[in-house]
């Protein structure tokens, strides 16, 4: 128990150190937030035109709340650690400096990425609160907030573990950019950034809703919109736990196999 307390204190110390680093580059976080904001604004403009033309089954308040919440989800839950893992740690050989530390590489990177998500997510929350002050959106009832908090937490853990695995794929590929671009295109579709997954055609919709990417981004958004019952929220939480366990197992497998291929001079 004492050892666990010491480790938790050290992990907290690591998190605070990386938080200072992230705050030094807070304007970079603002730029990336504005990129996410502009993308969601373009999608919203498209749907506004479609709705006003009466050619859509979606209503305007629902569309506005969806894309505003998608901004927050994209900033808070969409992890971007994979590029640093692939390009710096593996291909440049910086991974060697982590292997001698008395902490898991996974948790060091977790503490490194979390401050960036908190800062960018805060920008999104400010935009949402400002918009709510001028416009009434459909949102979940307060009684559902504890379930939604769990979905957000598990969504982040799932997103982080998934992106770590994507980054570790650099152990086996020479040019990680192709893998990264492919993953980005898949996320745009299956996370619901372009349009809600419920509007996808038949078979593609079922695959997307059952997949892990939807449980990282899409379900936290529609849960906060109030579009799910308590039973539906529990089903999402259960599916998230299963996906997290699967990806943790896959991470350990990829990590151990990849280390056998790693040299201190790089890939």
C-alpha atoms as a PDB file:
ATOM      1  CA  UNK A   1       0.000   0.000   0.000  1.00  0.00           C
ATOM      2  CA  UNK A   2       2.838   2.392   0.890  1.00  0.00           C
ATOM      3  CA  UNK A   3       4.598   1.612  -2.410  1.00  0.00           C
ATOM      4  CA  UNK A   4       1.388   2.317  -4.325  1.00  0.00           C
ATOM      5  CA  UNK A   5       1.058   5.707  -2.593  1.00  0.00           C
ATOM      6  CA  UNK A   6       4.646   6.566  -3.537  1.00  0.00           C
ATOM      7  CA  UNK A   7       4.041   5.568  -7.154  1.00  0.00           C
ATOM      8  CA  UNK A   8       0.841   7.608  -7.313  1.00  0.00           C
ATOM      9  CA  UNK A   9       2.691  10.633  -5.946  1.00  0.00           C
ATOM     10  CA  UNK A  10       5.399  10.206  -8.567  1.00  0.00           C
ATOM     11  CA  UNK A  11       2.853   9.827 -11.349  1.00  0.00           C
ATOM     12  CA  UNK A  12       1.095  12.982 -10.121  1.00  0.00           C
ATOM     13  CA  UNK A  13       4.468  14.764 -10.103  1.00  0.00           C
ATOM     14  CA  UNK A  14       5.122  13.655 -13.683  1.00  0.00           C
ATOM     15  CA  UNK A  15       1.666  14.873 -14.702  1.00  0.00           C
ATOM     16  CA  UNK A  16       2.269  18.287 -13.118  1.00  0.00           C
ATOM     17  CA  UNK A  17       5.644  18.632 -14.856  1.00  0.00           C
ATOM     18  CA  UNK A  18       4.097  17.859 -18.242  1.00  0.00           C
ATOM     19  CA  UNK A  19       1.262  20.259 -17.422  1.00  0.00           C
ATOM     20  CA  UNK A  20       3.803  23.066 -17.032  1.00  0.00           C
ATOM     21  CA  UNK A  21       5.246  22.168 -20.419  1.00  0.00           C
ATOM     22  CA  UNK A  22       1.794  22.160 -22.033  1.00  0.00           C
ATOM     23  CA  UNK A  23       0.964  25.558 -20.509  1.00  0.00           C
ATOM     24  CA  UNK A  24       4.149  26.990 -22.007  1.00  0.00           C
ATOM     25  CA  UNK A  25       2.709  26.132 -25.435  1.00  0.00           C
ATOM     26  CA  UNK A  26      -0.909  27.052 -24.690  1.00  0.00           C
ATOM     27  CA  UNK A  27      -1.146  29.119 -27.875  1.00  0.00           C
ATOM     28  CA  UNK A  28      -0.344  26.003 -29.877  1.00  0.00           C
ATOM     29  CA  UNK A  29      -3.304  24.342 -28.162  1.00  0.00           C
ATOM     30  CA  UNK A  30      -5.453  27.322 -29.127  1.00  0.00           C
ATOM     31  CA  UNK A  31      -4.423  26.974 -32.778  1.00  0.00           C
ATOM     32  CA  UNK A  32      -5.317  23.288 -32.852  1.00  0.00           C
ATOM     33  CA  UNK A  33      -8.622  24.080 -31.147  1.00  0.00           C
ATOM     34  CA  UNK A  34      -9.396  26.674 -33.830  1.00  0.00           C
ATOM     35  CA  UNK A  35      -8.672  24.060 -36.516  1.00  0.00           C
ATOM     36  CA  UNK A  36     -11.214  21.706 -34.928  1.00  0.00           C
ATOM     37  CA  UNK A  37     -13.670  24.583 -34.540  1.00  0.00           C
ATOM     38  CA  UNK A  38     -13.407  25.579 -38.212  1.00  0.00           C
ATOM     39  CA  UNK A  39     -13.943  21.999 -39.400  1.00  0.00           C
ATOM     40  CA  UNK A  40     -17.074  21.559 -37.295  1.00  0.00           C
ATOM     41  CA  UNK A  41     -18.346  24.990 -38.396  1.00  0.00           C
ATOM     42  CA  UNK A  42     -18.087  23.954 -42.059  1.00  0.00           C
ATOM     43  CA  UNK A  43     -20.075  20.767 -41.430  1.00  0.00           C
ATOM     44  CA  UNK A  44     -22.669  22.757 -39.504  1.00  0.00           C
ATOM     45  CA  UNK A  45     -23.050  25.265 -42.355  1.00  0.00           C
ATOM     46  CA  UNK A  46     -23.693  22.404 -44.760  1.00  0.00           C
ATOM     47  CA  UNK A  47     -26.361  20.856 -42.531  1.00  0.00           C
ATOM     48  CA  UNK A  48     -27.959  24.237 -41.886  1.00  0.00           C
ATOM     49  CA  UNK A  49     -28.510  24.608 -45.629  1.00  0.00           C
ATOM     50  CA  UNK A  50     -29.873  21.072 -45.936  1.00  0.00           C
ATOM     51  CA  UNK A  51     -32.240  21.543 -42.985  1.00  0.00           C
ATOM     52  CA  UNK A  52     -33.534  24.905 -44.176  1.00  0.00           C
ATOM     53  CA  UNK A  53     -34.270  23.322 -47.558  1.00  0.00           C
ATOM     54  CA  UNK A  54     -36.480  20.793 -45.730  1.00  0.00           C
ATOM     55  CA  UNK A  55     -34.492  17.932 -47.205  1.00  0.00           C
ATOM     56  CA  UNK A  56     -33.162  16.567 -43.932  1.00  0.00           C
ATOM     57  CA  UNK A  57     -34.519  14.399 -41.138  1.00  0.00           C
ATOM     58  CA  UNK A  58     -32.319  16.342 -38.719  1.00  0.00           C
ATOM     59  CA  UNK A  59     -33.420  19.528 -36.935  1.00  0.00           C
ATOM     60  CA  UNK A  60     -31.258  22.621 -36.570  1.00  0.00           C
ATOM     61  CA  UNK A  61     -30.995  22.694 -32.713  1.00  0.00           C
ATOM     62  CA  UNK A  62     -29.893  19.054 -32.766  1.00  0.00           C
ATOM     63  CA  UNK A  63     -27.303  19.765 -35.462  1.00  0.00           C
ATOM     64  CA  UNK A  64     -25.910  22.791 -33.631  1.00  0.00           C
ATOM     65  CA  UNK A  65     -25.582  20.968 -30.301  1.00  0.00           C
ATOM     66  CA  UNK A  66     -24.079  17.917 -32.018  1.00  0.00           C
ATOM     67  CA  UNK A  67     -21.241  19.802 -33.689  1.00  0.00           C
ATOM     68  CA  UNK A  68     -20.552  22.002 -30.663  1.00  0.00           C
ATOM     69  CA  UNK A  69     -20.244  18.889 -28.521  1.00  0.00           C
ATOM     70  CA  UNK A  70     -18.159  17.274 -31.259  1.00  0.00           C
ATOM     71  CA  UNK A  71     -15.721  20.179 -30.937  1.00  0.00           C
ATOM     72  CA  UNK A  72     -15.270  19.427 -27.237  1.00  0.00           C
ATOM     73  CA  UNK A  73     -15.022  15.679 -27.849  1.00  0.00           C
ATOM     74  CA  UNK A  74     -12.448  16.218 -30.598  1.00  0.00           C
ATOM     75  CA  UNK A  75     -10.313  18.405 -28.338  1.00  0.00           C
ATOM     76  CA  UNK A  76     -10.737  16.434 -25.110  1.00  0.00           C
ATOM     77  CA  UNK A  77     -10.993  12.818 -26.259  1.00  0.00           C
ATOM     78  CA  UNK A  78      -9.189  12.657 -29.608  1.00  0.00           C
ATOM     79  CA  UNK A  79      -5.632  11.831 -28.540  1.00  0.00           C
ATOM     80  CA  UNK A  80      -2.674  12.770 -30.778  1.00  0.00           C
ATOM     81  CA  UNK A  81       0.162  10.931 -29.053  1.00  0.00           C
ATOM     82  CA  UNK A  82       0.753   8.497 -31.931  1.00  0.00           C
ATOM     83  CA  UNK A  83       2.927  10.855 -34.013  1.00  0.00           C
ATOM     84  CA  UNK A  84       5.362  11.506 -31.175  1.00  0.00           C
ATOM     85  CA  UNK A  85       5.541   7.788 -30.348  1.00  0.00           C
ATOM     86  CA  UNK A  86       6.237   6.882 -33.983  1.00  0.00           C
ATOM     87  CA  UNK A  87       8.417   9.706 -35.278  1.00  0.00           C
ATOM     88  CA  UNK A  88      10.408  10.679 -32.184  1.00  0.00           C
ATOM     89  CA  UNK A  89      10.515   7.726 -29.820  1.00  0.00           C
ATOM     90  CA  UNK A  90      10.756   4.884 -32.333  1.00  0.00           C
ATOM     91  CA  UNK A  91      12.165   6.266 -35.575  1.00  0.00           C
ATOM     92  CA  UNK A  92      14.608   8.687 -33.915  1.00  0.00           C
ATOM     93  CA  UNK A  93      15.466   6.290 -31.104  1.00  0.00           C
ATOM     94  CA  UNK A  94      14.343   8.446 -28.189  1.00  0.00           C
ATOM     95  CA  UNK A  95      12.470   5.493 -26.748  1.00  0.00           C
ATOM     96  CA  UNK A  96      15.673   4.295 -25.099  1.00  0.00           C
ATOM     97  CA  UNK A  97      15.544   7.103 -22.542  1.00  0.00           C
ATOM     98  CA  UNK A  98      12.179   5.812 -21.283  1.00  0.00           C
ATOM     99  CA  UNK A  99      13.194   2.167 -20.980  1.00  0.00           C
ATOM    100  CA  UNK A 100      15.465   2.821 -18.006  1.00  0.00           C
ATOM    101  CA  UNK A 101      12.863   4.780 -16.038  1.00  0.00           C
ATOM    102  CA  UNK A 102      11.045   3.086 -13.116  1.00  0.00           C
ATOM    103  CA  UNK A 103       7.673   3.805 -14.712  1.00  0.00           C
ATOM    104  CA  UNK A 104       5.646   2.267 -17.472  1.00  0.00           C
ATOM    105  CA  UNK A 105       6.087   3.910 -20.879  1.00  0.00           C
ATOM    106  CA  UNK A 106       2.307   3.815 -21.199  1.00  0.00           C
ATOM    107  CA  UNK A 107       1.712   5.914 -18.067  1.00  0.00           C
ATOM    108  CA  UNK A 108       4.499   8.379 -18.831  1.00  0.00           C
ATOM    109  CA  UNK A 109       2.880   9.093 -22.197  1.00  0.00           C
ATOM    110  CA  UNK A 110      -0.532   9.222 -20.516  1.00  0.00           C
ATOM    111  CA  UNK A 111       0.682  11.981 -18.183  1.00  0.00           C
ATOM    112  CA  UNK A 112       2.312  13.744 -21.106  1.00  0.00           C
ATOM    113  CA  UNK A 113      -0.811  13.809 -23.291  1.00  0.00           C
ATOM    114  CA  UNK A 114      -3.498  14.517 -20.675  1.00  0.00           C
ATOM    115  CA  UNK A 115      -2.594  18.208 -20.024  1.00  0.00           C
ATOM    116  CA  UNK A 116      -2.924  18.988 -23.740  1.00  0.00           C
ATOM    117  CA  UNK A 117      -6.384  17.415 -23.829  1.00  0.00           C
ATOM    118  CA  UNK A 118      -7.478  19.338 -20.726  1.00  0.00           C
ATOM    119  CA  UNK A 119      -6.309  22.680 -22.127  1.00  0.00           C
ATOM    120  CA  UNK A 120      -7.905  22.192 -25.534  1.00  0.00           C
ATOM    121  CA  UNK A 121     -11.046  20.725 -23.997  1.00  0.00           C
ATOM    122  CA  UNK A 122     -11.358  23.819 -21.801  1.00  0.00           C
ATOM    123  CA  UNK A 123     -11.430  26.012 -24.906  1.00  0.00           C
ATOM    124  CA  UNK A 124     -14.291  23.876 -26.211  1.00  0.00           C
ATOM    125  CA  UNK A 125     -16.242  24.134 -22.965  1.00  0.00           C
ATOM    126  CA  UNK A 126     -15.922  27.938 -23.086  1.00  0.00           C
ATOM    127  CA  UNK A 127     -17.355  27.995 -26.617  1.00  0.00           C
ATOM    128  CA  UNK A 128     -20.217  25.670 -25.589  1.00  0.00           C
ATOM    129  CA  UNK A 129     -21.119  27.734 -22.509  1.00  0.00           C
ATOM    130  CA  UNK A 130     -21.073  30.908 -24.581  1.00  0.00           C
ATOM    131  CA  UNK A 131     -23.346  29.338 -27.196  1.00  0.00           C
ATOM    132  CA  UNK A 132     -25.764  28.018 -24.542  1.00  0.00           C
ATOM    133  CA  UNK A 133     -26.130  31.565 -23.207  1.00  0.00           C
ATOM    134  CA  UNK A 134     -27.619  32.641 -26.565  1.00  0.00           C
ATOM    135  CA  UNK A 135     -29.237  29.469 -27.851  1.00  0.00           C
ATOM    136  CA  UNK A 136     -31.202  26.622 -26.275  1.00  0.00           C
ATOM    137  CA  UNK A 137     -29.766  23.195 -27.061  1.00  0.00           C
ATOM    138  CA  UNK A 138     -31.041  19.675 -26.374  1.00  0.00           C
ATOM    139  CA  UNK A 139     -28.853  18.314 -23.581  1.00  0.00           C
ATOM    140  CA  UNK A 140     -29.003  15.349 -21.209  1.00  0.00           C
ATOM    141  CA  UNK A 141     -30.790  15.520 -17.863  1.00  0.00           C
ATOM    142  CA  UNK A 142     -28.596  16.069 -14.772  1.00  0.00           C
ATOM    143  CA  UNK A 143     -29.564  12.613 -13.484  1.00  0.00           C
ATOM    144  CA  UNK A 144     -27.628  11.085 -16.401  1.00  0.00           C
ATOM    145  CA  UNK A 145     -24.416  13.053 -15.779  1.00  0.00           C
ATOM    146  CA  UNK A 146     -22.708  10.347 -13.641  1.00  0.00           C
ATOM    147  CA  UNK A 147     -23.146   7.838 -16.472  1.00  0.00           C
ATOM    148  CA  UNK A 148     -21.942  10.387 -19.007  1.00  0.00           C
ATOM    149  CA  UNK A 149     -18.858  11.116 -16.875  1.00  0.00           C
ATOM    150  CA  UNK A 150     -17.985   7.408 -16.959  1.00  0.00           C
ATOM    151  CA  UNK A 151     -18.489   7.300 -20.725  1.00  0.00           C
ATOM    152  CA  UNK A 152     -16.168  10.295 -21.152  1.00  0.00           C
ATOM    153  CA  UNK A 153     -13.518   8.751 -18.879  1.00  0.00           C
ATOM    154  CA  UNK A 154     -13.617   5.371 -20.606  1.00  0.00           C
ATOM    155  CA  UNK A 155     -13.732   7.105 -23.983  1.00  0.00           C
ATOM    156  CA  UNK A 156     -10.461   8.861 -23.202  1.00  0.00           C
ATOM    157  CA  UNK A 157      -8.780   5.688 -21.930  1.00  0.00           C
ATOM    158  CA  UNK A 158      -9.912   3.847 -25.040  1.00  0.00           C
ATOM    159  CA  UNK A 159      -8.752   6.638 -27.349  1.00  0.00           C
ATOM    160  CA  UNK A 160      -5.353   6.885 -25.665  1.00  0.00           C
ATOM    161  CA  UNK A 161      -4.680   3.142 -25.736  1.00  0.00           C
ATOM    162  CA  UNK A 162      -5.816   2.903 -29.344  1.00  0.00           C
ATOM    163  CA  UNK A 163      -3.555   5.759 -30.429  1.00  0.00           C
ATOM    164  CA  UNK A 164      -0.593   4.250 -28.550  1.00  0.00           C
ATOM    165  CA  UNK A 165      -1.043   1.072 -30.562  1.00  0.00           C
ATOM    166  CA  UNK A 166      -1.223   3.098 -33.781  1.00  0.00           C
ATOM    167  CA  UNK A 167       2.031   4.819 -32.833  1.00  0.00           C
ATOM    168  CA  UNK A 168       3.762   1.549 -31.944  1.00  0.00           C
ATOM    169  CA  UNK A 169       3.021   0.267 -35.457  1.00  0.00           C
ATOM    170  CA  UNK A 170       6.118   2.301 -36.440  1.00  0.00           C
ATOM    171  CA  UNK A 171       8.151  -0.644 -35.151  1.00  0.00           C
ATOM    172  CA  UNK A 172       7.165  -2.476 -38.353  1.00  0.00           C
ATOM    173  CA  UNK A 173       6.729   0.268 -40.979  1.00  0.00           C
ATOM    174  CA  UNK A 174       9.356   2.525 -42.505  1.00  0.00           C
ATOM    175  CA  UNK A 175       7.046   5.417 -43.389  1.00  0.00           C
ATOM    176  CA  UNK A 176       4.488   5.990 -40.634  1.00  0.00           C
ATOM    177  CA  UNK A 177       2.770   8.815 -42.521  1.00  0.00           C
ATOM    178  CA  UNK A 178       0.738   6.390 -44.623  1.00  0.00           C
ATOM    179  CA  UNK A 179      -0.561   4.587 -41.537  1.00  0.00           C
ATOM    180  CA  UNK A 180      -1.311   7.907 -39.858  1.00  0.00           C
ATOM    181  CA  UNK A 181      -3.212   9.296 -42.859  1.00  0.00           C
ATOM    182  CA  UNK A 182      -5.249   6.098 -43.176  1.00  0.00           C
ATOM    183  CA  UNK A 183      -6.145   6.192 -39.484  1.00  0.00           C
ATOM    184  CA  UNK A 184      -7.183   9.849 -39.797  1.00  0.00           C
ATOM    185  CA  UNK A 185      -9.574   9.089 -42.654  1.00  0.00           C
ATOM    186  CA  UNK A 186     -11.095   6.173 -40.759  1.00  0.00           C
ATOM    187  CA  UNK A 187     -11.590   8.328 -37.655  1.00  0.00           C
ATOM    188  CA  UNK A 188     -13.292  11.099 -39.630  1.00  0.00           C
ATOM    189  CA  UNK A 189     -15.958   8.646 -40.763  1.00  0.00           C
ATOM    190  CA  UNK A 190     -16.356   6.274 -37.820  1.00  0.00           C
ATOM    191  CA  UNK A 191     -16.089   8.875 -35.030  1.00  0.00           C
ATOM    192  CA  UNK A 192     -18.967  10.890 -36.474  1.00  0.00           C
ATOM    193  CA  UNK A 193     -17.016  14.033 -37.314  1.00  0.00           C
ATOM    194  CA  UNK A 194     -18.539  14.427 -40.782  1.00  0.00           C
ATOM    195  CA  UNK A 195     -22.088  13.377 -39.902  1.00  0.00           C
ATOM    196  CA  UNK A 196     -23.818  11.404 -37.118  1.00  0.00           C
ATOM    197  CA  UNK A 197     -23.323   7.667 -37.438  1.00  0.00           C
ATOM    198  CA  UNK A 198     -27.085   7.167 -37.230  1.00  0.00           C
ATOM    199  CA  UNK A 199     -27.354   8.764 -40.680  1.00  0.00           C
ATOM    200  CA  UNK A 200     -24.943   6.339 -42.348  1.00  0.00           C
ATOM    201  CA  UNK A 201     -26.435   3.715 -44.690  1.00  0.00           C
ATOM    202  CA  UNK A 202     -27.505   0.306 -43.330  1.00  0.00           C
ATOM    203  CA  UNK A 203     -24.569  -2.063 -42.946  1.00  0.00           C
ATOM    204  CA  UNK A 204     -21.974   0.694 -42.604  1.00  0.00           C
ATOM    205  CA  UNK A 205     -24.007   2.237 -39.782  1.00  0.00           C
ATOM    206  CA  UNK A 206     -24.106  -1.028 -37.828  1.00  0.00           C
ATOM    207  CA  UNK A 207     -20.354  -1.556 -38.218  1.00  0.00           C
ATOM    208  CA  UNK A 208     -19.594   2.024 -37.202  1.00  0.00           C
ATOM    209  CA  UNK A 209     -21.832   1.967 -34.109  1.00  0.00           C
ATOM    210  CA  UNK A 210     -20.325  -1.285 -32.870  1.00  0.00           C
ATOM    211  CA  UNK A 211     -16.703  -0.290 -33.514  1.00  0.00           C
ATOM    212  CA  UNK A 212     -14.212   1.102 -30.993  1.00  0.00           C
ATOM    213  CA  UNK A 213     -13.854   4.556 -32.588  1.00  0.00           C
ATOM    214  CA  UNK A 214     -17.537   5.345 -32.021  1.00  0.00           C
ATOM    215  CA  UNK A 215     -17.097   4.516 -28.335  1.00  0.00           C
ATOM    216  CA  UNK A 216     -14.256   7.056 -28.093  1.00  0.00           C
ATOM    217  CA  UNK A 217     -15.963  10.108 -29.610  1.00  0.00           C
ATOM    218  CA  UNK A 218     -19.480   9.561 -30.935  1.00  0.00           C
ATOM    219  CA  UNK A 219     -21.200   7.984 -27.932  1.00  0.00           C
ATOM    220  CA  UNK A 220     -19.954  10.619 -25.438  1.00  0.00           C
ATOM    221  CA  UNK A 221     -21.443  13.283 -27.740  1.00  0.00           C
ATOM    222  CA  UNK A 222     -24.890  11.747 -28.210  1.00  0.00           C
ATOM    223  CA  UNK A 223     -24.991  10.765 -24.529  1.00  0.00           C
ATOM    224  CA  UNK A 224     -24.460  14.403 -23.520  1.00  0.00           C
ATOM    225  CA  UNK A 225     -27.116  15.406 -26.039  1.00  0.00           C
ATOM    226  CA  UNK A 226     -29.607  13.329 -24.074  1.00  0.00           C
ATOM    227  CA  UNK A 227     -30.320  10.930 -26.941  1.00  0.00           C
ATOM    228  CA  UNK A 228     -29.839   7.767 -24.871  1.00  0.00           C
ATOM    229  CA  UNK A 229     -31.775   6.026 -22.114  1.00  0.00           C
ATOM    230  CA  UNK A 230     -30.123   4.873 -18.881  1.00  0.00           C
ATOM    231  CA  UNK A 231     -30.096   1.306 -20.231  1.00  0.00           C
ATOM    232  CA  UNK A 232     -28.437   2.541 -23.418  1.00  0.00           C
ATOM    233  CA  UNK A 233     -25.804   4.379 -21.379  1.00  0.00           C
ATOM    234  CA  UNK A 234     -25.003   1.211 -19.432  1.00  0.00           C
ATOM    235  CA  UNK A 235     -24.648  -0.734 -22.675  1.00  0.00           C
ATOM    236  CA  UNK A 236     -22.151   1.831 -23.957  1.00  0.00           C
ATOM    237  CA  UNK A 237     -20.174   1.674 -20.705  1.00  0.00           C
ATOM    238  CA  UNK A 238     -20.063  -2.119 -20.889  1.00  0.00           C
ATOM    239  CA  UNK A 239     -18.885  -2.047 -24.509  1.00  0.00           C
ATOM    240  CA  UNK A 240     -16.224   0.542 -23.657  1.00  0.00           C
ATOM    241  CA  UNK A 241     -14.849  -1.643 -20.870  1.00  0.00           C
ATOM    242  CA  UNK A 242     -14.617  -4.611 -23.226  1.00  0.00           C
ATOM    243  CA  UNK A 243     -12.845  -2.543 -25.894  1.00  0.00           C
ATOM    244  CA  UNK A 244     -10.423  -1.114 -23.294  1.00  0.00           C
ATOM    245  CA  UNK A 245      -9.517  -4.592 -22.044  1.00  0.00           C
ATOM    246  CA  UNK A 246      -8.993  -5.775 -25.616  1.00  0.00           C
ATOM    247  CA  UNK A 247      -6.762  -2.842 -26.545  1.00  0.00           C
ATOM    248  CA  UNK A 248      -4.756  -3.104 -23.317  1.00  0.00           C
ATOM    249  CA  UNK A 249      -4.057  -6.745 -24.165  1.00  0.00           C
ATOM    250  CA  UNK A 250      -3.171  -5.774 -27.738  1.00  0.00           C
ATOM    251  CA  UNK A 251      -0.928  -2.959 -26.503  1.00  0.00           C
ATOM    252  CA  UNK A 252       1.073  -5.323 -24.308  1.00  0.00           C
ATOM    253  CA  UNK A 253       1.436  -7.735 -27.204  1.00  0.00           C
ATOM    254  CA  UNK A 254       2.549  -5.018 -29.643  1.00  0.00           C
ATOM    255  CA  UNK A 255       4.857  -3.427 -27.071  1.00  0.00           C
ATOM    256  CA  UNK A 256       6.696  -6.646 -26.262  1.00  0.00           C
ATOM    257  CA  UNK A 257       6.985  -7.682 -29.888  1.00  0.00           C
ATOM    258  CA  UNK A 258       8.096  -4.218 -30.975  1.00  0.00           C
ATOM    259  CA  UNK A 259      10.854  -3.936 -28.380  1.00  0.00           C
ATOM    260  CA  UNK A 260      12.537  -6.982 -29.922  1.00  0.00           C
ATOM    261  CA  UNK A 261      12.904  -4.969 -33.140  1.00  0.00           C
ATOM    262  CA  UNK A 262      14.032  -1.713 -31.519  1.00  0.00           C
ATOM    263  CA  UNK A 263      17.599  -0.429 -31.423  1.00  0.00           C
ATOM    264  CA  UNK A 264      18.825   2.582 -29.471  1.00  0.00           C
ATOM    265  CA  UNK A 265      19.862   4.398 -32.672  1.00  0.00           C
ATOM    266  CA  UNK A 266      16.320   4.432 -33.961  1.00  0.00           C
ATOM    267  CA  UNK A 267      14.073   2.270 -36.104  1.00  0.00           C
END
